[in-house]
Amino acid sequence: MSDVSTRGPYRVYIPRDSAALALGADRVAAAVATEATRRGIAVDIVRNGSRGLFWLEPLVEVATPAGRVGYSNVQAAQVAALFDSGWPACAVQDAERDLPADNPDGSWEALMPACVGRVDAIPYLARQQRLTFARIGVTDPLSPSDYEAHGGLTGLRACLALDAAAGCQTVLDSGLRGRGGAAFPAGIKWQTVSRAPAATKYVVCNADEGDSGTFADRLIMESDPFVLIEGMIIAALCVGASEGIIYVRSEYPHAIAALEAAIAVARRQGWLGPDMLGSGRACELRVAKAAGAYICGEETALLESLEGKRGVVRAKPPIPAVAGLFGQPTLVNNVVTLASVPFIFAQGADAYRKFGMGRSQGTLAVQLAGNVRRGGLVELAFGVTLRTLLDDFGGGTASGRPAKAIQVGGPLGAYLPSAQWDVPMDYEAYAALGAVVGHGGVVVHDDTADLSALASYAMHFCAHESCGKCTPCRIGATRGVEVIEQIRRGDTSVRQIKLLRDLCDTMVSGSLCAMGGMTPFPVRSALDHFPADFGLPEGAGRAEAA
């Protein structure tokens, strides 16, 4: 072993996002600091965000002239042995190691802590098209200089040179659609708020990320909060608002802390306040903790909650863009939508629009979860297929068994069978399947999954989370649970199947919001594609639909 006691300083990156913390990242950071001090090695520890490669966490990185070198699944108890091997000096040699392209035998995990080579060269990361998520895991989330060194504020400065109409037109020209699930063209919403006559307007960020298998919003808030702040300031400038509110789910304490700290830094830097960047324009942001209800992810229920009321869906019209928070014109977008805006203004609408397909422009933040070997964040242009995501990125199921169904779009998304895994992920293509892209959550199930139980769960979930305002959702979900359980107990008569279908039709057509309107998606898809799980012969579910 070479003597490295007088060498350094070495810059070591140890993530601070929730996933890494849950796996012991704080203990690893403390162990690295203690061991370096004991050995007289100068180490500068940077608490970065996660790269989104969750199966490698905690992923510790060392800066070298050839790029940052990663060590996977590091545990505090292994740190002393890591130093004994000549680390972190040996990272320079490790940067040149010839590592297996896709880790087919799981050796990275088995040799903990194993060197994964240059992190940027890991195929999972190298094959992505990171625009919105370009800085996650790369920068110190609370360093303004780091943010600017990696292109931060370029978009805001470009926006300051435009009037409101031109700013809204830039968003419209980019083709950006809401990434929260509804996929409404962002530019149209911005124009509506901008043109609404009012002395007071608001920008509200919906960060009540509650869909199963989703974590893109959390990754941005914890790993690159300044990009959300910049996006909200740009939005405020374009629509004529001077106040922005980030409504964050209560189960995200680390995200809330990161945002509050980042807002304080931005205020000290002059990015917020009465004279942003010396422009004479004013903008303030604050964080609001969500009420803990899934329904508050719906924009009007969210606004009710912000006003101190129970989260209940509002009837439309008026739409929030005309009469939203406290009756004033309000722009409501989710985290990924607003975080995509700085790139659009920095690089131009055409640069963003060249990614994607059809009417689905730009990139999609796919979140691989469930029974998958390599779960994490994958940002790619619209058009990628589920098969590519599962096989090339996810590495198949974690159980090693064949994949059976993939649910896309959260707990109210459809279950797609393997025959549909080659359909490009595109809003219109998925709508034609009776499915939704939603927030990009992808949850994998292997061949042991019981789709009838999962369909029953969807109805249970809706019954539990419904705000109760409309009858189709409130009563329909409760009746839906009863009917599915009757079928699961063996009553597979034509009458029962037709009753379930009719109930789903009523919920889709009559519900006030997407809560009740989308609950039938997982139920119908399970019945259509996996009838055997309901005790039905192949094709029986579809036959009854006809």
Protein backbone atom coordinates (compact mmCIF):
# COMPACT_ATOMS: atom_id res chain seq x y z
CA MET A 1 0.00 0.00 0.00
CA SER A 2 1.34 3.42 -0.92
CA ASP A 3 1.82 6.05 1.75
CA VAL A 4 -0.82 8.72 1.14
CA SER A 5 -0.67 10.42 4.55
CA THR A 6 0.83 13.66 3.27
CA ARG A 7 -1.16 13.88 0.07
CA GLY A 8 -4.28 15.80 -0.78
CA PRO A 9 -6.51 17.62 -0.56
CA TYR A 10 -9.01 15.25 -2.14
CA ARG A 11 -12.56 16.29 -2.95
CA VAL A 12 -15.00 13.56 -1.96
CA TYR A 13 -18.70 13.71 -2.83
CA ILE A 14 -21.15 11.95 -0.50
CA PRO A 15 -24.86 12.37 -1.34
CA ARG A 16 -27.33 13.94 1.05
CA ASP A 17 -30.64 13.06 -0.59
CA SER A 18 -33.26 10.96 1.21
CA ALA A 19 -32.43 7.68 -0.53
CA ALA A 20 -28.74 7.90 0.35
CA LEU A 21 -29.50 9.04 3.90
CA ALA A 22 -31.79 6.06 4.40
CA LEU A 23 -28.88 3.82 3.42
CA GLY A 24 -26.41 5.41 5.85
CA ALA A 25 -24.82 8.28 3.90
CA ASP A 26 -24.50 10.49 7.00
CA ARG A 27 -22.63 7.73 8.83
CA VAL A 28 -20.36 7.26 5.81
CA ALA A 29 -19.58 10.98 5.69
CA ALA A 30 -18.73 11.02 9.40
CA ALA A 31 -16.54 7.93 9.01
CA VAL A 32 -14.65 9.43 6.06
CA ALA A 33 -14.02 12.66 7.98
CA THR A 34 -12.84 10.78 11.08
CA GLU A 35 -10.60 8.39 9.18
CA ALA A 36 -9.05 11.14 7.06
CA THR A 37 -8.23 13.19 10.16
CA ARG A 38 -6.73 10.18 11.91
CA ARG A 39 -4.47 9.46 8.95
CA GLY A 40 -3.55 13.06 8.25
CA ILE A 41 -5.13 13.08 4.79
CA ALA A 42 -6.72 16.31 3.61
CA VAL A 43 -10.25 15.55 2.41
CA ASP A 44 -12.85 18.11 1.35
CA ILE A 45 -16.27 16.46 1.74
CA VAL A 46 -19.03 17.85 -0.48
CA ARG A 47 -22.59 16.71 0.33
CA ASN A 48 -23.99 16.57 -3.17
CA GLY A 49 -27.37 15.29 -4.28
CA SER A 50 -28.04 11.88 -5.74
CA ARG A 51 -27.30 11.02 -9.36
CA GLY A 52 -30.50 9.00 -9.31
CA LEU A 53 -28.72 5.64 -9.59
CA PHE A 54 -30.35 4.29 -6.47
CA TRP A 55 -29.09 0.73 -6.66
CA LEU A 56 -25.56 2.08 -6.14
CA GLU A 57 -26.32 4.26 -3.10
CA PRO A 58 -24.57 5.42 -1.08
CA LEU A 59 -22.46 6.30 -4.13
CA VAL A 60 -19.28 8.02 -2.94
CA GLU A 61 -17.31 9.90 -5.59
CA VAL A 62 -13.75 11.23 -5.70
CA ALA A 63 -12.72 14.05 -8.04
CA THR A 64 -9.79 13.16 -10.31
CA PRO A 65 -8.26 14.84 -13.39
CA ALA A 66 -10.06 12.23 -15.51
CA GLY A 67 -13.45 12.88 -13.91
CA ARG A 68 -15.25 11.76 -10.78
CA VAL A 69 -14.72 8.14 -9.78
CA GLY A 70 -17.47 6.32 -7.91
CA TYR A 71 -17.55 3.70 -5.17
CA SER A 72 -20.88 1.96 -4.73
CA ASN A 73 -22.90 0.87 -1.71
CA VAL A 74 -20.32 2.25 0.71
CA GLN A 75 -21.02 1.53 4.37
CA ALA A 76 -19.43 3.27 7.36
CA ALA A 77 -17.90 0.01 8.61
CA GLN A 78 -15.97 -0.33 5.33
CA VAL A 79 -14.41 3.12 5.28
CA ALA A 80 -11.25 2.17 7.23
CA ALA A 81 -10.56 -0.70 4.85
CA LEU A 82 -11.15 1.63 1.93
CA PHE A 83 -8.46 3.97 3.26
CA ASP A 84 -6.18 0.99 3.87
CA SER A 85 -6.33 0.22 0.15
CA GLY A 86 -4.77 3.58 -0.66
CA TRP A 87 -8.00 5.50 -1.09
CA PRO A 88 -8.69 8.25 -2.02
CA ALA A 89 -5.35 8.59 -3.86
CA CYS A 90 -6.02 5.36 -5.77
CA ALA A 91 -9.08 6.94 -7.39
CA VAL A 92 -6.75 8.39 -10.04
CA GLN A 93 -5.84 4.87 -11.15
CA ASP A 94 -9.41 3.65 -10.68
CA ALA A 95 -10.56 6.24 -13.22
CA GLU A 96 -8.84 4.20 -15.93
CA ARG A 97 -10.19 0.80 -14.88
CA ASP A 98 -11.90 -1.29 -17.53
CA LEU A 99 -15.23 -2.08 -15.91
CA PRO A 100 -18.02 -4.30 -17.29
CA ALA A 101 -20.36 -2.20 -19.40
CA ASP A 102 -23.59 -3.26 -17.70
CA ASN A 103 -22.45 -5.10 -14.56
CA PRO A 104 -24.25 -8.29 -15.71
CA ASP A 105 -23.28 -10.42 -12.72
CA GLY A 106 -23.99 -7.85 -10.02
CA SER A 107 -20.29 -7.63 -9.12
CA TRP A 108 -20.49 -3.95 -8.25
CA GLU A 109 -22.87 -4.72 -5.45
CA ALA A 110 -21.09 -7.94 -4.39
CA LEU A 111 -17.67 -6.31 -3.94
CA MET A 112 -18.85 -3.49 -1.66
CA PRO A 113 -17.49 -0.94 -1.67
CA ALA A 114 -16.66 -1.53 -5.33
CA CYS A 115 -15.23 0.97 -7.75
CA VAL A 116 -17.61 1.70 -10.62
CA GLY A 117 -15.06 3.77 -12.51
CA ARG A 118 -15.88 7.18 -13.94
CA VAL A 119 -19.44 7.88 -12.93
CA ASP A 120 -20.24 9.78 -16.12
CA ALA A 121 -19.29 6.65 -18.09
CA ILE A 122 -21.68 4.29 -16.27
CA PRO A 123 -23.97 3.15 -19.14
CA TYR A 124 -27.14 3.81 -17.11
CA LEU A 125 -26.12 7.46 -16.87
CA ALA A 126 -24.20 7.89 -20.12
CA ARG A 127 -27.16 6.80 -22.26
CA GLN A 128 -29.48 9.43 -20.78
CA GLN A 129 -30.38 12.85 -22.18
CA ARG A 130 -30.30 14.96 -19.05
CA LEU A 131 -31.58 18.48 -19.58
CA THR A 132 -33.73 19.26 -16.54
CA PHE A 133 -31.72 16.89 -14.33
CA ALA A 134 -28.28 17.80 -15.67
CA ARG A 135 -26.99 19.07 -12.31
CA ILE A 136 -28.42 16.49 -9.90
CA GLY A 137 -25.61 14.71 -8.12
CA VAL A 138 -23.06 16.96 -9.81
CA THR A 139 -23.26 20.14 -7.75
CA ASP A 140 -23.46 21.09 -4.12
CA PRO A 141 -27.22 21.78 -3.88
CA LEU A 142 -26.75 24.85 -1.69
CA SER A 143 -23.74 26.43 -3.43
CA PRO A 144 -24.77 29.41 -5.58
CA SER A 145 -21.32 29.59 -7.19
CA ASP A 146 -21.52 25.90 -8.09
CA TYR A 147 -24.96 26.46 -9.58
CA GLU A 148 -23.81 29.36 -11.74
CA ALA A 149 -20.64 27.50 -12.78
CA HIS A 150 -22.89 24.80 -14.24
CA GLY A 151 -25.10 27.17 -16.24
CA GLY A 152 -27.44 28.38 -13.53
CA LEU A 153 -29.19 31.78 -13.93
CA THR A 154 -28.47 31.88 -17.68
CA GLY A 155 -32.16 31.32 -18.36
CA LEU A 156 -33.27 33.93 -15.82
CA ARG A 157 -30.96 36.55 -17.30
CA ALA A 158 -32.31 35.77 -20.75
CA CYS A 159 -35.86 36.11 -19.46
CA LEU A 160 -35.14 39.51 -17.94
CA ALA A 161 -34.38 40.77 -21.45
CA LEU A 162 -37.87 39.77 -22.67
CA ASP A 163 -41.30 41.21 -22.02
CA ALA A 164 -44.02 39.02 -20.52
CA ALA A 165 -45.64 38.17 -23.85
CA ALA A 166 -42.34 37.06 -25.37
CA GLY A 167 -41.55 34.98 -22.31
CA CYS A 168 -44.87 33.15 -22.47
CA GLN A 169 -44.40 32.63 -26.20
CA THR A 170 -41.00 31.04 -25.55
CA VAL A 171 -42.63 28.44 -23.30
CA LEU A 172 -45.39 27.86 -25.84
CA ASP A 173 -42.88 27.46 -28.69
CA SER A 174 -40.88 24.91 -26.69
CA GLY A 175 -43.82 22.50 -26.66
CA LEU A 176 -43.47 22.02 -22.89
CA ARG A 177 -46.50 20.31 -21.39
CA GLY A 178 -47.29 19.91 -17.72
CA ARG A 179 -45.21 17.10 -16.26
CA GLY A 180 -47.53 16.58 -13.31
CA GLY A 181 -49.78 14.22 -15.23
CA ALA A 182 -52.38 16.32 -17.04
CA ALA A 183 -49.94 17.21 -19.86
CA PHE A 184 -51.66 20.54 -20.56
CA PRO A 185 -49.54 22.88 -22.72
CA ALA A 186 -47.62 25.02 -20.24
CA GLY A 187 -47.40 28.03 -22.55
CA ILE A 188 -51.19 28.31 -22.87
CA LYS A 189 -51.58 28.25 -19.09
CA TRP A 190 -48.85 30.91 -18.72
CA GLN A 191 -50.49 33.14 -21.34
CA THR A 192 -53.87 32.85 -19.65
CA VAL A 193 -52.49 33.98 -16.29
CA SER A 194 -50.37 36.70 -17.91
CA ARG A 195 -53.35 38.19 -19.75
CA ALA A 196 -55.72 38.02 -16.78
CA PRO A 197 -56.31 41.56 -15.43
CA ALA A 198 -55.40 41.65 -11.74
CA ALA A 199 -53.13 43.60 -9.41
CA THR A 200 -52.11 40.44 -7.55
CA LYS A 201 -51.12 37.12 -9.11
CA TYR A 202 -49.44 34.00 -7.77
CA VAL A 203 -47.18 31.22 -8.96
CA VAL A 204 -47.77 27.96 -7.10
CA CYS A 205 -45.51 24.94 -7.44
CA ASN A 206 -47.31 21.65 -6.89
CA ALA A 207 -44.66 19.57 -5.09
CA ASP A 208 -47.19 17.26 -3.44
CA GLU A 209 -45.60 14.27 -5.16
CA GLY A 210 -47.78 11.36 -4.07
CA ASP A 211 -47.86 8.85 -6.92
CA SER A 212 -46.45 5.41 -6.20
CA GLY A 213 -42.98 4.93 -7.63
CA THR A 214 -42.33 8.63 -8.21
CA PHE A 215 -39.43 10.65 -6.85
CA ALA A 216 -38.41 13.07 -9.63
CA ASP A 217 -39.77 16.11 -7.77
CA ARG A 218 -37.97 15.09 -4.60
CA LEU A 219 -34.69 14.61 -6.47
CA ILE A 220 -34.86 18.14 -7.87
CA MET A 221 -35.81 19.72 -4.55
CA GLU A 222 -33.06 17.90 -2.65
CA SER A 223 -30.36 17.73 -5.32
CA ASP A 224 -30.83 20.94 -7.36
CA PRO A 225 -33.25 23.28 -5.56
CA PHE A 226 -31.89 26.37 -7.33
CA VAL A 227 -33.21 25.17 -10.70
CA LEU A 228 -36.74 25.12 -9.26
CA ILE A 229 -36.23 28.55 -7.72
CA GLU A 230 -34.97 29.90 -11.05
CA GLY A 231 -37.90 28.36 -12.91
CA MET A 232 -40.39 29.90 -10.49
CA ILE A 233 -38.81 33.34 -10.81
CA ILE A 234 -38.98 33.10 -14.61
CA ALA A 235 -42.62 32.05 -14.36
CA ALA A 236 -43.40 34.97 -12.04
CA LEU A 237 -41.77 37.43 -14.46
CA CYS A 238 -43.76 36.06 -17.40
CA VAL A 239 -47.19 36.02 -15.76
CA GLY A 240 -46.81 39.19 -13.69
CA ALA A 241 -46.66 37.62 -10.23
CA SER A 242 -44.47 38.79 -7.38
CA GLU A 243 -45.02 35.88 -5.00
CA GLY A 244 -44.44 32.16 -5.41
CA ILE A 245 -45.36 29.30 -3.09
CA ILE A 246 -43.91 25.78 -3.17
CA TYR A 247 -46.46 23.32 -1.76
CA VAL A 248 -44.40 20.31 -0.61
CA ARG A 249 -45.78 17.03 0.69
CA SER A 250 -45.35 16.71 4.45
CA GLU A 251 -43.52 13.38 4.07
CA TYR A 252 -40.56 15.19 2.44
CA PRO A 253 -38.76 16.80 5.40
CA HIS A 254 -35.35 16.79 3.68
CA ALA A 255 -36.80 18.44 0.58
CA ILE A 256 -38.50 21.10 2.71
CA ALA A 257 -35.24 21.80 4.57
CA ALA A 258 -33.25 21.97 1.32
CA LEU A 259 -35.73 24.36 -0.28
CA GLU A 260 -35.90 26.66 2.72
CA ALA A 261 -32.10 26.80 2.91
CA ALA A 262 -31.82 27.40 -0.85
CA ILE A 263 -34.42 30.20 -0.76
CA ALA A 264 -32.46 31.88 2.05
CA VAL A 265 -29.26 31.62 -0.03
CA ALA A 266 -31.02 32.98 -3.11
CA ARG A 267 -32.32 35.91 -1.10
CA ARG A 268 -28.82 36.70 0.19
CA GLN A 269 -27.47 36.48 -3.36
CA GLY A 270 -30.03 38.99 -4.57
CA TRP A 271 -31.84 36.48 -6.78
CA LEU A 272 -35.00 37.12 -4.76
CA GLY A 273 -36.36 40.22 -3.08
CA PRO A 274 -37.43 43.69 -4.19
CA ASP A 275 -34.64 44.10 -6.76
CA MET A 276 -33.81 40.74 -8.35
CA LEU A 277 -30.36 40.78 -9.92
CA GLY A 278 -30.56 44.55 -10.03
CA SER A 279 -33.50 44.43 -12.43
CA GLY A 280 -35.88 46.52 -10.35
CA ARG A 281 -38.29 43.57 -10.42
CA ALA A 282 -39.58 41.95 -7.22
CA CYS A 283 -40.22 38.32 -6.42
CA GLU A 284 -40.46 36.34 -3.19
CA LEU A 285 -40.82 32.61 -2.59
CA ARG A 286 -41.89 30.56 0.39
CA VAL A 287 -42.45 26.91 1.22
CA ALA A 288 -45.78 25.55 2.48
CA LYS A 289 -46.06 22.08 4.03
CA ALA A 290 -48.83 20.01 2.48
CA ALA A 291 -51.77 18.63 4.40
CA GLY A 292 -50.90 14.96 3.84
CA ALA A 293 -53.80 14.16 1.51
CA TYR A 294 -53.34 12.61 -1.94
CA ILE A 295 -56.20 14.70 -3.31
CA CYS A 296 -54.18 17.86 -2.65
CA GLY A 297 -52.10 16.92 -5.68
CA GLU A 298 -55.11 18.12 -7.67
CA GLU A 299 -54.54 21.81 -8.28
CA THR A 300 -57.82 23.21 -6.95
CA ALA A 301 -57.74 21.04 -3.80
CA LEU A 302 -54.17 22.25 -3.32
CA LEU A 303 -55.34 25.87 -3.50
CA GLU A 304 -58.07 25.16 -0.96
CA SER A 305 -55.42 23.73 1.35
CA LEU A 306 -53.17 26.76 0.89
CA GLU A 307 -56.09 28.96 1.90
CA GLY A 308 -56.35 27.03 5.16
CA LYS A 309 -59.38 24.97 4.17
CA ARG A 310 -59.96 21.25 3.82
CA GLY A 311 -58.51 19.91 0.58
CA VAL A 312 -61.62 19.55 -1.57
CA VAL A 313 -61.79 19.80 -5.35
CA ARG A 314 -63.36 22.95 -6.75
CA ALA A 315 -65.84 22.89 -9.59
CA LYS A 316 -64.63 24.54 -12.80
CA PRO A 317 -65.05 27.14 -14.19
CA PRO A 318 -63.49 29.38 -13.11
CA ILE A 319 -60.09 27.83 -13.70
CA PRO A 320 -57.19 28.72 -11.35
CA ALA A 321 -55.48 30.70 -14.13
CA VAL A 322 -58.36 33.17 -13.88
CA ALA A 323 -59.46 32.81 -10.24
CA GLY A 324 -57.09 30.69 -8.19
CA LEU A 325 -55.43 31.34 -4.83
CA PHE A 326 -57.56 33.79 -2.83
CA GLY A 327 -59.55 34.40 -6.00
CA GLN A 328 -56.57 35.80 -7.91
CA PRO A 329 -55.07 34.55 -11.21
CA THR A 330 -52.72 31.73 -10.29
CA LEU A 331 -50.23 29.70 -12.28
CA VAL A 332 -50.04 26.14 -10.94
CA ASN A 333 -47.30 23.90 -12.35
CA ASN A 334 -45.49 20.94 -10.88
CA VAL A 335 -41.80 20.75 -9.98
CA VAL A 336 -40.47 19.11 -13.15
CA THR A 337 -42.43 21.53 -15.35
CA LEU A 338 -40.98 24.60 -13.64
CA ALA A 339 -37.50 23.07 -13.39
CA SER A 340 -37.53 22.51 -17.17
CA VAL A 341 -38.01 26.22 -17.85
CA PRO A 342 -34.43 27.48 -17.16
CA PHE A 343 -33.03 25.21 -19.91
CA ILE A 344 -35.66 26.46 -22.36
CA PHE A 345 -34.78 30.11 -21.73
CA ALA A 346 -31.03 29.47 -21.62
CA GLN A 347 -30.81 27.34 -24.78
CA GLY A 348 -33.90 28.47 -26.66
CA ALA A 349 -37.28 26.92 -27.37
CA ASP A 350 -35.99 25.08 -30.46
CA ALA A 351 -33.23 23.36 -28.47
CA TYR A 352 -35.85 21.85 -26.18
CA ARG A 353 -38.37 21.09 -28.89
CA LYS A 354 -35.92 18.99 -30.90
CA PHE A 355 -36.24 16.27 -28.27
CA GLY A 356 -39.31 14.05 -28.22
CA MET A 357 -41.91 13.00 -30.76
CA GLY A 358 -45.27 14.20 -32.07
CA ARG A 359 -46.89 16.58 -29.61
CA SER A 360 -44.72 15.28 -26.77
CA GLN A 361 -41.70 17.54 -26.90
CA GLY A 362 -38.65 17.60 -24.65
CA THR A 363 -37.60 14.95 -22.18
CA LEU A 364 -39.48 12.73 -19.77
CA ALA A 365 -38.26 11.99 -16.26
CA VAL A 366 -38.92 8.27 -15.92
CA GLN A 367 -38.75 6.87 -12.41
CA LEU A 368 -38.02 3.13 -12.41
CA ALA A 369 -39.36 1.42 -9.30
CA GLY A 370 -41.05 -1.71 -8.03
CA ASN A 371 -39.63 -5.14 -8.80
CA VAL A 372 -36.70 -3.88 -10.85
CA ARG A 373 -33.01 -4.61 -10.42
CA ARG A 374 -31.65 -1.13 -11.10
CA GLY A 375 -34.17 1.41 -9.91
CA GLY A 376 -33.60 5.10 -10.39
CA LEU A 377 -34.13 8.23 -12.46
CA VAL A 378 -33.89 8.03 -16.25
CA GLU A 379 -34.30 11.24 -18.28
CA LEU A 380 -34.79 10.59 -21.98
CA ALA A 381 -36.64 12.16 -24.88
CA PHE A 382 -40.27 11.11 -25.27
CA GLY A 383 -40.48 8.01 -27.43
CA VAL A 384 -38.51 5.57 -25.30
CA THR A 385 -40.27 2.25 -24.73
CA LEU A 386 -40.99 0.34 -21.54
CA ARG A 387 -39.02 -2.61 -22.87
CA THR A 388 -35.92 -0.46 -23.28
CA LEU A 389 -36.39 0.97 -19.81
CA LEU A 390 -36.92 -2.42 -18.19
CA ASP A 391 -34.18 -4.32 -20.00
CA ASP A 392 -31.49 -1.77 -20.89
CA PHE A 393 -31.77 0.45 -17.83
CA GLY A 394 -33.59 -1.58 -15.17
CA GLY A 395 -31.70 -4.82 -15.83
CA GLY A 396 -34.88 -6.88 -15.51
CA THR A 397 -36.72 -7.71 -12.32
CA ALA A 398 -35.04 -7.73 -8.92
CA SER A 399 -36.54 -11.16 -8.25
CA GLY A 400 -35.11 -12.60 -11.44
CA ARG A 401 -38.56 -13.81 -12.46
CA PRO A 402 -40.26 -12.74 -15.71
CA ALA A 403 -41.93 -9.35 -15.65
CA LYS A 404 -45.71 -9.60 -15.95
CA ALA A 405 -47.17 -6.09 -15.81
CA ILE A 406 -45.88 -2.55 -15.65
CA GLN A 407 -47.98 0.22 -14.17
CA VAL A 408 -47.28 3.65 -15.62
CA GLY A 409 -48.58 6.93 -14.23
CA GLY A 410 -49.00 6.31 -10.52
CA PRO A 411 -51.59 4.35 -8.50
CA LEU A 412 -54.32 5.33 -10.97
CA GLY A 413 -52.33 4.38 -14.06
CA ALA A 414 -53.03 1.39 -16.28
CA TYR A 415 -51.29 -1.97 -16.00
CA LEU A 416 -49.62 -2.66 -19.33
CA PRO A 417 -48.91 -6.24 -20.49
CA SER A 418 -45.73 -7.18 -22.36
CA ALA A 419 -47.54 -6.85 -25.71
CA GLN A 420 -47.68 -3.08 -25.13
CA TRP A 421 -44.13 -2.53 -23.88
CA ASP A 422 -42.88 -1.53 -27.33
CA VAL A 423 -45.31 1.40 -27.70
CA PRO A 424 -43.35 4.69 -27.51
CA MET A 425 -43.95 6.67 -24.33
CA ASP A 426 -45.87 9.58 -25.78
CA TYR A 427 -48.99 11.24 -24.40
CA GLU A 428 -51.16 10.51 -27.44
CA ALA A 429 -49.84 7.00 -28.01
CA TYR A 430 -50.59 6.06 -24.42
CA ALA A 431 -54.03 7.68 -24.53
CA ALA A 432 -54.82 5.40 -27.48
CA LEU A 433 -54.04 2.43 -25.22
CA GLY A 434 -56.32 3.70 -22.47
CA ALA A 435 -53.21 4.53 -20.43
CA VAL A 436 -51.42 7.63 -19.20
CA VAL A 437 -47.78 8.69 -19.02
CA GLY A 438 -48.63 10.78 -15.95
CA HIS A 439 -45.72 11.92 -13.83
CA GLY A 440 -43.45 9.27 -15.36
CA GLY A 441 -43.64 6.71 -12.56
CA VAL A 442 -42.95 3.17 -13.80
CA VAL A 443 -43.64 0.31 -11.35
CA VAL A 444 -42.66 -3.21 -12.41
CA HIS A 445 -44.44 -6.40 -11.27
CA ASP A 446 -43.18 -9.94 -11.89
CA ASP A 447 -45.23 -13.02 -12.70
CA THR A 448 -46.21 -13.62 -9.07
CA ALA A 449 -48.36 -10.48 -9.01
CA ASP A 450 -52.13 -10.89 -8.67
CA LEU A 451 -53.69 -8.20 -10.85
CA SER A 452 -57.14 -8.72 -9.34
CA ALA A 453 -55.70 -7.79 -5.94
CA LEU A 454 -53.98 -4.77 -7.47
CA ALA A 455 -57.25 -3.70 -9.12
CA SER A 456 -59.01 -4.00 -5.78
CA TYR A 457 -56.27 -1.90 -4.21
CA ALA A 458 -56.87 0.88 -6.76
CA MET A 459 -60.51 1.10 -5.69
CA HIS A 460 -59.54 0.93 -2.00
CA PHE A 461 -57.05 3.74 -2.57
CA CYS A 462 -59.63 5.94 -4.25
CA ALA A 463 -62.21 5.29 -1.53
CA HIS A 464 -59.66 6.20 1.13
CA GLU A 465 -58.24 9.30 -0.59
CA SER A 466 -61.38 10.73 -2.19
CA CYS A 467 -62.23 14.24 -1.05
CA GLY A 468 -65.88 13.12 -1.03
CA LYS A 469 -67.26 16.03 -3.03
CA CYS A 470 -68.69 14.09 -5.98
CA THR A 471 -70.82 10.95 -5.84
CA PRO A 472 -69.17 8.93 -8.66
CA CYS A 473 -65.81 9.00 -6.86
CA ARG A 474 -67.02 8.85 -3.25
CA ILE A 475 -69.62 6.09 -3.71
CA GLY A 476 -68.27 4.53 -6.89
CA ALA A 477 -64.94 3.53 -5.35
CA THR A 478 -66.64 1.92 -2.36
CA ARG A 479 -69.01 -0.04 -4.60
CA GLY A 480 -66.03 -0.89 -6.82
CA VAL A 481 -64.23 -2.58 -3.94
CA GLU A 482 -67.34 -4.62 -3.18
CA VAL A 483 -67.84 -5.75 -6.78
CA ILE A 484 -64.20 -6.73 -7.32
CA GLU A 485 -64.16 -8.69 -4.08
CA GLN A 486 -67.30 -10.52 -5.17
CA ILE A 487 -65.56 -11.48 -8.41
CA ARG A 488 -62.41 -12.53 -6.56
CA ARG A 489 -64.53 -14.79 -4.33
CA GLY A 490 -65.74 -16.65 -7.40
CA ASP A 491 -68.78 -14.79 -8.72
CA THR A 492 -67.55 -14.36 -12.30
CA SER A 493 -70.99 -14.12 -13.82
CA VAL A 494 -71.69 -11.90 -16.82
CA ARG A 495 -73.78 -9.71 -14.53
CA GLN A 496 -70.89 -9.00 -12.15
CA ILE A 497 -68.41 -8.21 -14.93
CA LYS A 498 -70.92 -5.91 -16.62
CA LEU A 499 -71.63 -4.21 -13.30
CA LEU A 500 -67.93 -3.52 -12.80
CA ARG A 501 -67.62 -2.16 -16.34
CA ASP A 502 -70.67 0.09 -15.93
CA LEU A 503 -69.34 1.37 -12.63
CA CYS A 504 -66.00 2.25 -14.25
CA ASP A 505 -67.81 4.08 -17.07
CA THR A 506 -69.79 6.11 -14.53
CA MET A 507 -66.65 7.08 -12.62
CA VAL A 508 -64.78 8.11 -15.78
CA SER A 509 -67.65 10.19 -17.14
CA GLY A 510 -69.08 11.64 -13.95
CA SER A 511 -66.23 12.36 -11.54
CA LEU A 512 -65.34 15.94 -10.82
CA CYS A 513 -61.57 15.41 -11.10
CA ALA A 514 -58.99 12.84 -12.16
CA MET A 515 -59.13 11.07 -8.78
CA GLY A 516 -62.37 9.28 -9.62
CA GLY A 517 -61.97 9.66 -13.37
CA MET A 518 -58.72 7.70 -13.50
CA THR A 519 -59.34 5.03 -10.86
CA PRO A 520 -60.96 2.79 -13.51
CA PHE A 521 -57.73 2.79 -15.58
CA PRO A 522 -55.90 0.17 -13.48
CA VAL A 523 -59.14 -1.80 -12.99
CA ARG A 524 -60.06 -1.95 -16.67
CA SER A 525 -56.51 -2.73 -17.78
CA ALA A 526 -56.19 -5.55 -15.25
CA LEU A 527 -59.53 -7.00 -16.35
CA ASP A 528 -58.70 -6.63 -20.06
CA HIS A 529 -55.17 -8.02 -20.05
CA PHE A 530 -55.08 -10.38 -17.08
CA PRO A 531 -58.54 -12.01 -16.89
CA ALA A 532 -57.11 -15.23 -15.46
CA ASP A 533 -56.24 -13.35 -12.27
CA PHE A 534 -59.98 -12.72 -11.84
CA GLY A 535 -60.82 -16.37 -12.48
CA LEU A 536 -62.05 -15.56 -16.00
CA PRO A 537 -61.18 -17.36 -19.24
CA GLU A 538 -58.91 -15.54 -21.67
CA GLY A 539 -60.79 -12.79 -23.49
CA ALA A 540 -63.81 -12.93 -21.19
CA GLY A 541 -63.26 -9.47 -19.76
CA ARG A 542 -63.03 -7.92 -23.21
CA ALA A 543 -66.04 -9.84 -24.44
CA GLU A 544 -68.17 -8.37 -21.69
CA ALA A 545 -66.89 -4.89 -22.57
CA ALA A 546 -68.29 -5.37 -26.06
